[in-house]
Amino acid sequence: MEDHVVTSALSEASPSPAPRREKRLVLRLLEAWRQARIDDLAPKAGSLGPADTGEDMPHVFTIELSDSAPPRFGFIGDAVRPRRFAADDKPLVEDCPHDCVLGHVSRYWKEIIERGVPVTRGGNGINDGKPVLYRGLMAPLVDEDGVICTIIGAANWRSVDA
């Protein structure tokens, strides 16, 4: 009679699989925003910034809000920066061209103030003179008094046939 050694795949130690990375940029930023919240309140402006978005940072932007001045971009990642804005520019939101992904997404900044929650937008648009399908998210960040003082956003796109 032959001895058979039975091995089980379950008995062999296997490393846990790495957590799957969410494919959608807007959902990754939304998750970072949710993780930065305290007690279901919007995160503080200092608790989430472009540097906290890792490899998504080129697609991230911030809008700085002030009672005494029009909203302006505080940060614009390289991937979403319109050609007419230099790397160190902090232009007014109203000066953003409407024929770029950043312009398509950022024009809804007032809705973030009114609703006080993250808002996603997407659709057909133009970027660098080419038709694209884009998606973006903007989310509020608050100051020490709980007033929205910054909006963090991210956007990406893909080219489409006209």
C-alpha atoms as a PDB file:
ATOM      1  CA  MET A   1       0.000   0.000   0.000  1.00  0.00           C
ATOM      2  CA  GLU A   2       1.340   3.395  -0.942  1.00  0.00           C
ATOM      3  CA  ASP A   3       1.414   6.340   1.395  1.00  0.00           C
ATOM      4  CA  HIS A   4      -0.080   9.462  -0.098  1.00  0.00           C
ATOM      5  CA  VAL A   5       0.780  12.833   1.210  1.00  0.00           C
ATOM      6  CA  VAL A   6      -2.104  15.173   0.936  1.00  0.00           C
ATOM      7  CA  THR A   7      -1.342  18.842   0.945  1.00  0.00           C
ATOM      8  CA  SER A   8      -3.863  21.548   1.103  1.00  0.00           C
ATOM      9  CA  ALA A   9      -3.579  24.893  -0.568  1.00  0.00           C
ATOM     10  CA  LEU A  10      -5.097  26.281   2.586  1.00  0.00           C
ATOM     11  CA  SER A  11      -2.347  24.912   4.761  1.00  0.00           C
ATOM     12  CA  GLU A  12       0.363  26.725   2.825  1.00  0.00           C
ATOM     13  CA  ALA A  13       0.958  30.180   4.124  1.00  0.00           C
ATOM     14  CA  SER A  14       0.169  32.742   1.478  1.00  0.00           C
ATOM     15  CA  PRO A  15       0.563  36.435   1.828  1.00  0.00           C
ATOM     16  CA  SER A  16      -2.556  38.529   1.985  1.00  0.00           C
ATOM     17  CA  PRO A  17      -3.301  40.151  -1.312  1.00  0.00           C
ATOM     18  CA  ALA A  18      -2.583  43.836  -1.496  1.00  0.00           C
ATOM     19  CA  PRO A  19      -5.699  45.955  -1.241  1.00  0.00           C
ATOM     20  CA  ARG A  20      -7.026  46.834  -4.663  1.00  0.00           C
ATOM     21  CA  ARG A  21      -6.508  50.425  -5.670  1.00  0.00           C
ATOM     22  CA  GLU A  22      -9.670  52.217  -6.731  1.00  0.00           C
ATOM     23  CA  LYS A  23      -9.432  52.927 -10.447  1.00  0.00           C
ATOM     24  CA  ARG A  24     -11.409  56.150 -10.421  1.00  0.00           C
ATOM     25  CA  LEU A  25      -9.574  59.317  -9.452  1.00  0.00           C
ATOM     26  CA  VAL A  26     -12.676  61.020  -8.083  1.00  0.00           C
ATOM     27  CA  LEU A  27     -13.407  58.104  -5.757  1.00  0.00           C
ATOM     28  CA  ARG A  28      -9.820  58.049  -4.490  1.00  0.00           C
ATOM     29  CA  LEU A  29     -10.032  61.764  -3.627  1.00  0.00           C
ATOM     30  CA  LEU A  30     -13.468  61.296  -2.078  1.00  0.00           C
ATOM     31  CA  GLU A  31     -12.092  58.517   0.117  1.00  0.00           C
ATOM     32  CA  ALA A  32      -9.164  60.712   1.219  1.00  0.00           C
ATOM     33  CA  TRP A  33     -11.668  63.487   2.038  1.00  0.00           C
ATOM     34  CA  ARG A  34     -13.811  61.067   4.064  1.00  0.00           C
ATOM     35  CA  GLN A  35     -10.766  59.763   5.943  1.00  0.00           C
ATOM     36  CA  ALA A  36      -9.777  63.331   6.878  1.00  0.00           C
ATOM     37  CA  ARG A  37     -13.203  64.130   8.377  1.00  0.00           C
ATOM     38  CA  ILE A  38     -13.847  64.235  12.088  1.00  0.00           C
ATOM     39  CA  ASP A  39     -17.332  63.328  13.329  1.00  0.00           C
ATOM     40  CA  ASP A  40     -18.880  63.586   9.846  1.00  0.00           C
ATOM     41  CA  LEU A  41     -17.828  67.228   9.517  1.00  0.00           C
ATOM     42  CA  ALA A  42     -15.882  68.554   6.555  1.00  0.00           C
ATOM     43  CA  PRO A  43     -12.130  68.180   7.086  1.00  0.00           C
ATOM     44  CA  LYS A  44     -10.009  71.078   8.257  1.00  0.00           C
ATOM     45  CA  ALA A  45      -8.066  72.811   5.485  1.00  0.00           C
ATOM     46  CA  GLY A  46      -4.751  71.733   7.014  1.00  0.00           C
ATOM     47  CA  SER A  47      -5.724  68.066   7.199  1.00  0.00           C
ATOM     48  CA  LEU A  48      -5.953  67.371   3.457  1.00  0.00           C
ATOM     49  CA  GLY A  49      -3.937  68.970   0.702  1.00  0.00           C
ATOM     50  CA  PRO A  50      -2.448  68.146  -2.688  1.00  0.00           C
ATOM     51  CA  ALA A  51       0.607  66.466  -1.133  1.00  0.00           C
ATOM     52  CA  ASP A  52      -1.735  64.015   0.631  1.00  0.00           C
ATOM     53  CA  THR A  53      -3.045  62.688  -2.698  1.00  0.00           C
ATOM     54  CA  GLY A  54       0.132  60.828  -3.651  1.00  0.00           C
ATOM     55  CA  GLU A  55       0.421  59.944  -7.308  1.00  0.00           C
ATOM     56  CA  ASP A  56      -2.862  61.753  -8.032  1.00  0.00           C
ATOM     57  CA  MET A  57      -1.315  65.139  -7.197  1.00  0.00           C
ATOM     58  CA  PRO A  58      -0.819  66.159 -10.881  1.00  0.00           C
ATOM     59  CA  HIS A  59      -4.616  66.029 -11.292  1.00  0.00           C
ATOM     60  CA  VAL A  60      -5.401  67.936  -8.088  1.00  0.00           C
ATOM     61  CA  PHE A  61      -6.207  71.614  -7.594  1.00  0.00           C
ATOM     62  CA  THR A  62      -7.300  73.833  -4.730  1.00  0.00           C
ATOM     63  CA  ILE A  63      -9.438  76.947  -4.686  1.00  0.00           C
ATOM     64  CA  GLU A  64      -8.789  79.432  -1.893  1.00  0.00           C
ATOM     65  CA  LEU A  65     -11.822  81.358  -0.671  1.00  0.00           C
ATOM     66  CA  SER A  66     -11.847  84.710   1.069  1.00  0.00           C
ATOM     67  CA  ASP A  67     -14.555  87.123   2.150  1.00  0.00           C
ATOM     68  CA  SER A  68     -12.590  90.043   0.765  1.00  0.00           C
ATOM     69  CA  ALA A  69     -11.255  88.700  -2.556  1.00  0.00           C
ATOM     70  CA  PRO A  70     -12.517  86.630  -5.475  1.00  0.00           C
ATOM     71  CA  PRO A  71     -11.694  82.898  -5.319  1.00  0.00           C
ATOM     72  CA  ARG A  72      -8.308  81.943  -6.680  1.00  0.00           C
ATOM     73  CA  PHE A  73      -6.455  78.746  -7.318  1.00  0.00           C
ATOM     74  CA  GLY A  74      -4.005  77.972  -4.547  1.00  0.00           C
ATOM     75  CA  PHE A  75      -2.566  74.944  -6.307  1.00  0.00           C
ATOM     76  CA  ILE A  76      -2.926  73.539  -9.810  1.00  0.00           C
ATOM     77  CA  GLY A  77      -1.388  70.154 -10.617  1.00  0.00           C
ATOM     78  CA  ASP A  78       0.669  69.828 -13.769  1.00  0.00           C
ATOM     79  CA  ALA A  79      -1.851  67.566 -15.534  1.00  0.00           C
ATOM     80  CA  VAL A  80      -4.772  69.991 -15.157  1.00  0.00           C
ATOM     81  CA  ARG A  81      -2.892  73.304 -15.454  1.00  0.00           C
ATOM     82  CA  PRO A  82      -3.973  75.231 -18.564  1.00  0.00           C
ATOM     83  CA  ARG A  83      -1.062  76.192 -20.797  1.00  0.00           C
ATOM     84  CA  ARG A  84      -1.622  79.875 -20.157  1.00  0.00           C
ATOM     85  CA  PHE A  85      -1.007  79.497 -16.391  1.00  0.00           C
ATOM     86  CA  ALA A  86       2.629  79.353 -15.285  1.00  0.00           C
ATOM     87  CA  ALA A  87       3.583  76.830 -12.605  1.00  0.00           C
ATOM     88  CA  ASP A  88       3.805  79.465  -9.877  1.00  0.00           C
ATOM     89  CA  ASP A  89       0.625  81.356 -10.884  1.00  0.00           C
ATOM     90  CA  LYS A  90      -2.296  81.528  -8.473  1.00  0.00           C
ATOM     91  CA  PRO A  91      -4.881  82.875 -10.913  1.00  0.00           C
ATOM     92  CA  LEU A  92      -8.447  83.827 -10.175  1.00  0.00           C
ATOM     93  CA  VAL A  93     -10.955  81.068 -10.833  1.00  0.00           C
ATOM     94  CA  GLU A  94     -12.874  83.424 -13.112  1.00  0.00           C
ATOM     95  CA  ASP A  95      -9.773  83.708 -15.325  1.00  0.00           C
ATOM     96  CA  CYS A  96      -9.638  79.970 -16.002  1.00  0.00           C
ATOM     97  CA  PRO A  97     -10.349  79.224 -19.666  1.00  0.00           C
ATOM     98  CA  HIS A  98     -13.587  77.377 -20.340  1.00  0.00           C
ATOM     99  CA  ASP A  99     -11.983  75.172 -22.993  1.00  0.00           C
ATOM    100  CA  CYS A 100      -9.967  73.042 -20.574  1.00  0.00           C
ATOM    101  CA  VAL A 101     -10.821  70.355 -18.039  1.00  0.00           C
ATOM    102  CA  LEU A 102      -9.924  72.598 -15.092  1.00  0.00           C
ATOM    103  CA  GLY A 103     -12.353  75.223 -16.410  1.00  0.00           C
ATOM    104  CA  HIS A 104     -15.117  72.662 -16.907  1.00  0.00           C
ATOM    105  CA  VAL A 105     -14.832  71.348 -13.350  1.00  0.00           C
ATOM    106  CA  SER A 106     -13.952  74.486 -11.367  1.00  0.00           C
ATOM    107  CA  ARG A 107     -16.873  76.547 -12.653  1.00  0.00           C
ATOM    108  CA  TYR A 108     -19.108  74.710 -10.149  1.00  0.00           C
ATOM    109  CA  TRP A 109     -17.221  76.009  -7.091  1.00  0.00           C
ATOM    110  CA  LYS A 110     -20.242  77.952  -5.785  1.00  0.00           C
ATOM    111  CA  GLU A 111     -22.221  74.724  -5.487  1.00  0.00           C
ATOM    112  CA  ILE A 112     -19.658  73.409  -2.998  1.00  0.00           C
ATOM    113  CA  ILE A 113     -20.222  76.515  -0.840  1.00  0.00           C
ATOM    114  CA  GLU A 114     -24.012  76.225  -1.087  1.00  0.00           C
ATOM    115  CA  ARG A 115     -24.237  72.497  -0.403  1.00  0.00           C
ATOM    116  CA  GLY A 116     -21.218  72.014   1.853  1.00  0.00           C
ATOM    117  CA  VAL A 117     -20.540  68.537   0.482  1.00  0.00           C
ATOM    118  CA  PRO A 118     -18.355  67.018  -2.250  1.00  0.00           C
ATOM    119  CA  VAL A 119     -19.791  67.329  -5.734  1.00  0.00           C
ATOM    120  CA  THR A 120     -18.751  65.421  -8.824  1.00  0.00           C
ATOM    121  CA  ARG A 121     -19.251  66.635 -12.361  1.00  0.00           C
ATOM    122  CA  GLY A 122     -18.433  65.150 -15.701  1.00  0.00           C
ATOM    123  CA  GLY A 123     -19.349  65.155 -19.320  1.00  0.00           C
ATOM    124  CA  ASN A 124     -18.146  66.103 -22.741  1.00  0.00           C
ATOM    125  CA  GLY A 125     -15.848  69.052 -23.146  1.00  0.00           C
ATOM    126  CA  ILE A 126     -12.780  70.418 -24.842  1.00  0.00           C
ATOM    127  CA  ASN A 127      -9.223  70.201 -23.524  1.00  0.00           C
ATOM    128  CA  ASP A 128      -6.253  71.541 -25.499  1.00  0.00           C
ATOM    129  CA  GLY A 129      -8.530  71.913 -28.517  1.00  0.00           C
ATOM    130  CA  LYS A 130      -9.563  68.249 -28.507  1.00  0.00           C
ATOM    131  CA  PRO A 131     -12.887  66.679 -27.526  1.00  0.00           C
ATOM    132  CA  VAL A 132     -12.724  64.828 -24.220  1.00  0.00           C
ATOM    133  CA  LEU A 133     -14.909  63.043 -21.741  1.00  0.00           C
ATOM    134  CA  TYR A 134     -14.003  64.362 -18.280  1.00  0.00           C
ATOM    135  CA  ARG A 135     -14.835  63.723 -14.662  1.00  0.00           C
ATOM    136  CA  GLY A 136     -14.009  65.829 -11.644  1.00  0.00           C
ATOM    137  CA  LEU A 137     -14.728  66.162  -7.957  1.00  0.00           C
ATOM    138  CA  MET A 138     -14.576  69.156  -5.661  1.00  0.00           C
ATOM    139  CA  ALA A 139     -14.886  68.922  -1.887  1.00  0.00           C
ATOM    140  CA  PRO A 140     -15.011  71.522   0.905  1.00  0.00           C
ATOM    141  CA  LEU A 141     -12.341  72.069   3.531  1.00  0.00           C
ATOM    142  CA  VAL A 142     -13.064  74.282   6.540  1.00  0.00           C
ATOM    143  CA  ASP A 143     -11.232  76.683   8.820  1.00  0.00           C
ATOM    144  CA  GLU A 144     -11.148  76.477  12.635  1.00  0.00           C
ATOM    145  CA  ASP A 145     -14.652  78.002  12.815  1.00  0.00           C
ATOM    146  CA  GLY A 146     -16.132  75.414  10.448  1.00  0.00           C
ATOM    147  CA  VAL A 147     -16.430  77.865   7.543  1.00  0.00           C
ATOM    148  CA  ILE A 148     -15.504  76.599   4.086  1.00  0.00           C
ATOM    149  CA  CYS A 149     -12.208  78.295   3.236  1.00  0.00           C
ATOM    150  CA  THR A 150     -10.742  75.966   0.623  1.00  0.00           C
ATOM    151  CA  ILE A 151     -12.030  73.615  -2.027  1.00  0.00           C
ATOM    152  CA  ILE A 152      -9.903  70.647  -3.034  1.00  0.00           C
ATOM    153  CA  GLY A 153     -10.605  69.068  -6.371  1.00  0.00           C
ATOM    154  CA  ALA A 154      -9.288  66.633  -8.921  1.00  0.00           C
ATOM    155  CA  ALA A 155     -10.079  65.986 -12.556  1.00  0.00           C
ATOM    156  CA  ASN A 156      -9.118  63.640 -15.336  1.00  0.00           C
ATOM    157  CA  TRP A 157     -10.277  62.890 -18.853  1.00  0.00           C
ATOM    158  CA  ARG A 158      -9.874  60.795 -21.925  1.00  0.00           C
ATOM    159  CA  SER A 159      -9.946  61.808 -25.552  1.00  0.00           C
ATOM    160  CA  VAL A 160     -13.021  60.967 -27.587  1.00  0.00           C
ATOM    161  CA  ASP A 161     -13.802  61.064 -31.275  1.00  0.00           C
ATOM    162  CA  ALA A 162     -15.671  64.177 -32.328  1.00  0.00           C
END
